[in-house]
Amino acid sequence: MHIKDLTVDELKTLIRETVEDTLQDLLLDPDTDRPVKQAFEQQLIALRERRQTGQTQALSSDEAMRALGLR
């Protein structure tokens, strides 16, 4: 099956499951019993600092969809 063959609901479910799996992998560190992996925590801090200094901006969902050619 190809993504183009999915219904909107099937695509949303696929995206949701992918995000959940990815967050689970990024957030849990079984070796240290920490709720967040240290490397991921550092990435989040760096992203926050870039946003605060204007080096990067968050996109609205409309902007993201246009950038991906979905609108």
Protein backbone atom coordinates (compact mmCIF):
# COMPACT_ATOMS: atom_id res chain seq x y z
CA MET A 1 0.00 0.00 0.00
CA HIS A 2 1.20 3.51 -0.80
CA ILE A 3 0.55 6.68 1.16
CA LYS A 4 -1.42 8.06 -1.78
CA ASP A 5 -3.89 5.19 -1.30
CA LEU A 6 -4.63 6.01 2.35
CA THR A 7 -7.76 7.77 3.46
CA VAL A 8 -7.39 10.93 5.53
CA ASP A 9 -8.24 9.01 8.70
CA GLU A 10 -5.75 6.25 7.88
CA LEU A 11 -3.03 8.84 7.23
CA LYS A 12 -3.82 10.61 10.51
CA THR A 13 -3.61 7.29 12.36
CA LEU A 14 -0.30 6.46 10.68
CA ILE A 15 1.13 9.86 11.59
CA ARG A 16 -0.16 9.63 15.17
CA GLU A 17 1.35 6.17 15.66
CA THR A 18 4.65 7.25 14.13
CA VAL A 19 4.85 10.31 16.38
CA GLU A 20 3.99 8.24 19.46
CA ASP A 21 6.67 5.65 18.62
CA THR A 22 9.25 8.35 17.95
CA LEU A 23 8.47 10.22 21.16
CA GLN A 24 8.65 6.97 23.11
CA ASP A 25 12.11 6.30 21.64
CA LEU A 26 13.31 9.86 22.28
CA LEU A 27 11.82 10.49 25.69
CA LEU A 28 12.49 7.32 27.63
CA ASP A 29 16.01 6.33 28.60
CA PRO A 30 15.86 2.80 30.02
CA ASP A 31 19.56 2.82 30.94
CA THR A 32 19.28 5.67 33.42
CA ASP A 33 15.58 5.57 34.40
CA ARG A 34 15.42 9.22 33.35
CA PRO A 35 12.12 10.37 31.88
CA VAL A 36 13.96 12.16 29.03
CA LYS A 37 17.13 11.14 27.26
CA GLN A 38 19.83 13.69 27.97
CA ALA A 39 20.74 14.15 24.28
CA PHE A 40 17.11 14.86 23.39
CA GLU A 41 16.80 17.26 26.32
CA GLN A 42 19.84 19.16 25.02
CA GLN A 43 18.30 19.31 21.52
CA LEU A 44 15.10 20.78 22.97
CA ILE A 45 17.05 23.37 24.95
CA ALA A 46 19.05 24.35 21.86
CA LEU A 47 15.86 24.65 19.80
CA ARG A 48 14.25 26.83 22.46
CA GLU A 49 17.31 29.08 22.52
CA ARG A 50 17.29 29.41 18.71
CA ARG A 51 13.62 30.36 18.78
CA GLN A 52 14.17 32.89 21.55
CA THR A 53 16.98 34.56 19.62
CA GLY A 54 15.00 34.58 16.36
CA GLN A 55 17.31 32.14 14.58
CA THR A 56 14.36 29.88 13.79
CA GLN A 57 10.58 30.16 13.82
CA ALA A 58 7.79 27.68 14.30
CA LEU A 59 5.55 27.14 11.29
CA SER A 60 1.79 27.18 11.44
CA SER A 61 0.10 24.04 10.20
CA ASP A 62 -0.96 25.91 7.04
CA GLU A 63 2.64 27.00 6.35
CA ALA A 64 3.90 23.46 6.91
CA MET A 65 1.28 21.99 4.58
CA ARG A 66 2.13 24.54 1.87
CA ALA A 67 5.85 23.80 2.27
CA LEU A 68 5.11 20.10 1.81
CA GLY A 69 2.94 20.79 -1.22
CA LEU A 70 -0.21 19.61 0.50
CA ARG A 71 -2.13 22.84 -0.13
